[in-house]
């Protein structure tokens, strides 16, 4: 299963940092998600809720 880029930001130095995910299992009923996530150095995501 390949990594999928789900979010990217441009850093102050012009480089990019990303979040990459592999979704292993997903169900709408009952709600369920299992995944691996990989964050590049420098990646920042604003505070948020789930």
N, C-alpha and C. Protein backbone atom coordinates (compact mmCIF):
# COMPACT_ATOMS: atom_id res chain seq x y z
N UNK A 1 0.85 -1.16 0.00
CA UNK A 1 0.00 0.00 0.00
C UNK A 1 0.90 1.24 0.00
N UNK A 2 0.75 2.15 -0.95
CA UNK A 2 1.61 3.34 -1.02
C UNK A 2 1.19 4.40 -0.01
N UNK A 3 2.15 5.23 0.40
CA UNK A 3 1.86 6.39 1.25
C UNK A 3 1.11 7.42 0.41
N UNK A 4 0.10 8.08 1.03
CA UNK A 4 -0.65 9.14 0.37
C UNK A 4 -0.39 10.46 1.09
N UNK A 5 -0.03 11.49 0.35
CA UNK A 5 0.17 12.81 0.93
C UNK A 5 -1.20 13.41 1.22
N UNK A 6 -1.46 13.79 2.48
CA UNK A 6 -2.77 14.32 2.84
C UNK A 6 -2.73 15.79 3.24
N UNK A 7 -1.55 16.32 3.50
CA UNK A 7 -1.41 17.73 3.86
C UNK A 7 0.03 18.15 3.59
N UNK A 8 0.22 19.37 3.08
CA UNK A 8 1.56 19.88 2.84
C UNK A 8 1.60 21.37 3.20
N UNK A 9 2.74 21.81 3.70
CA UNK A 9 2.95 23.23 3.99
C UNK A 9 4.29 23.65 3.38
N UNK A 10 4.40 24.95 3.07
CA UNK A 10 5.68 25.50 2.63
C UNK A 10 6.33 26.16 3.82
N UNK A 11 7.56 25.78 4.10
CA UNK A 11 8.32 26.32 5.22
C UNK A 11 8.96 27.65 4.84
N UNK A 12 9.41 28.39 5.85
CA UNK A 12 10.00 29.71 5.64
C UNK A 12 11.22 29.65 4.72
N UNK A 13 11.94 28.53 4.71
CA UNK A 13 13.14 28.41 3.87
C UNK A 13 12.82 27.96 2.44
N UNK A 14 11.52 27.81 2.12
CA UNK A 14 11.10 27.41 0.78
C UNK A 14 10.89 25.91 0.60
N UNK A 15 11.32 25.11 1.56
CA UNK A 15 11.11 23.67 1.48
C UNK A 15 9.66 23.34 1.84
N UNK A 16 9.26 22.09 1.60
CA UNK A 16 7.92 21.66 1.99
C UNK A 16 8.01 20.54 3.00
N UNK A 17 7.00 20.47 3.86
CA UNK A 17 6.84 19.38 4.82
C UNK A 17 5.43 18.85 4.66
N UNK A 18 5.27 17.54 4.82
CA UNK A 18 3.98 16.90 4.56
C UNK A 18 3.60 15.91 5.65
N UNK A 19 2.31 15.58 5.65
CA UNK A 19 1.79 14.44 6.41
C UNK A 19 1.43 13.39 5.37
N UNK A 20 1.86 12.16 5.62
CA UNK A 20 1.61 11.03 4.74
C UNK A 20 0.84 9.96 5.51
N UNK A 21 -0.14 9.33 4.87
CA UNK A 21 -0.95 8.32 5.55
C UNK A 21 -1.14 7.08 4.70
N UNK A 22 -1.30 5.94 5.39
CA UNK A 22 -1.75 4.68 4.80
C UNK A 22 -3.00 4.28 5.58
N UNK A 23 -4.15 4.26 4.91
CA UNK A 23 -5.40 3.87 5.57
C UNK A 23 -5.52 2.35 5.51
N UNK A 24 -5.56 1.73 6.68
CA UNK A 24 -5.62 0.27 6.77
C UNK A 24 -7.04 -0.26 6.81
N UNK A 25 -7.93 0.44 7.52
CA UNK A 25 -9.32 0.00 7.65
C UNK A 25 -10.19 1.22 7.87
N UNK A 26 -11.36 1.22 7.24
CA UNK A 26 -12.31 2.33 7.36
C UNK A 26 -13.72 1.78 7.35
N UNK A 27 -14.56 2.30 8.25
CA UNK A 27 -15.96 1.89 8.30
C UNK A 27 -16.82 3.10 8.63
N UNK A 28 -17.91 3.27 7.91
CA UNK A 28 -18.84 4.37 8.20
C UNK A 28 -19.81 4.00 9.32
N UNK A 29 -20.13 2.72 9.44
CA UNK A 29 -21.09 2.30 10.47
C UNK A 29 -20.68 0.94 11.02
N UNK A 30 -20.15 0.87 12.21
CA UNK A 30 -19.88 1.99 13.11
C UNK A 30 -18.65 2.77 12.64
N UNK A 31 -18.57 4.07 13.01
CA UNK A 31 -17.43 4.88 12.58
C UNK A 31 -16.11 4.31 13.09
N UNK A 32 -15.17 4.06 12.16
CA UNK A 32 -13.91 3.44 12.53
C UNK A 32 -12.86 3.78 11.48
N UNK A 33 -11.67 4.12 11.93
CA UNK A 33 -10.56 4.37 11.03
C UNK A 33 -9.27 3.89 11.68
N UNK A 34 -8.50 3.13 10.95
CA UNK A 34 -7.19 2.68 11.40
C UNK A 34 -6.17 3.10 10.34
N UNK A 35 -5.10 3.81 10.76
CA UNK A 35 -4.13 4.28 9.78
C UNK A 35 -2.74 4.39 10.37
N UNK A 36 -1.75 4.40 9.49
CA UNK A 36 -0.38 4.78 9.83
C UNK A 36 -0.21 6.20 9.34
N UNK A 37 0.46 7.04 10.12
CA UNK A 37 0.75 8.42 9.70
C UNK A 37 2.24 8.68 9.84
N UNK A 38 2.79 9.41 8.87
CA UNK A 38 4.20 9.79 8.89
C UNK A 38 4.27 11.30 8.68
N UNK A 39 4.95 12.01 9.58
CA UNK A 39 5.09 13.46 9.51
C UNK A 39 6.52 13.82 9.16
N UNK A 40 6.69 14.65 8.14
CA UNK A 40 8.01 15.14 7.79
C UNK A 40 8.50 16.13 8.85
N UNK A 41 9.82 16.26 9.02
CA UNK A 41 10.35 17.28 9.93
C UNK A 41 9.83 18.67 9.53
N UNK A 42 9.46 19.46 10.53
CA UNK A 42 8.97 20.81 10.28
C UNK A 42 7.47 20.92 10.05
N UNK A 43 6.77 19.79 9.95
CA UNK A 43 5.32 19.82 9.71
C UNK A 43 4.59 20.27 10.96
N UNK A 44 3.70 21.25 10.79
CA UNK A 44 2.90 21.78 11.90
C UNK A 44 1.45 21.87 11.44
N UNK A 45 0.54 21.39 12.26
CA UNK A 45 -0.89 21.51 11.97
C UNK A 45 -1.54 22.27 13.12
N UNK A 46 -2.39 23.24 12.77
CA UNK A 46 -3.08 24.00 13.80
C UNK A 46 -3.91 23.10 14.71
N UNK A 47 -4.13 23.56 15.91
CA UNK A 47 -4.97 22.83 16.84
C UNK A 47 -6.34 22.60 16.22
N UNK A 48 -6.86 21.38 16.38
CA UNK A 48 -8.16 21.03 15.81
C UNK A 48 -8.77 19.90 16.64
N UNK A 49 -10.02 19.62 16.41
CA UNK A 49 -10.71 18.56 17.15
C UNK A 49 -11.21 17.47 16.21
N UNK A 50 -11.47 16.33 16.81
CA UNK A 50 -12.02 15.21 16.05
C UNK A 50 -13.29 14.75 16.70
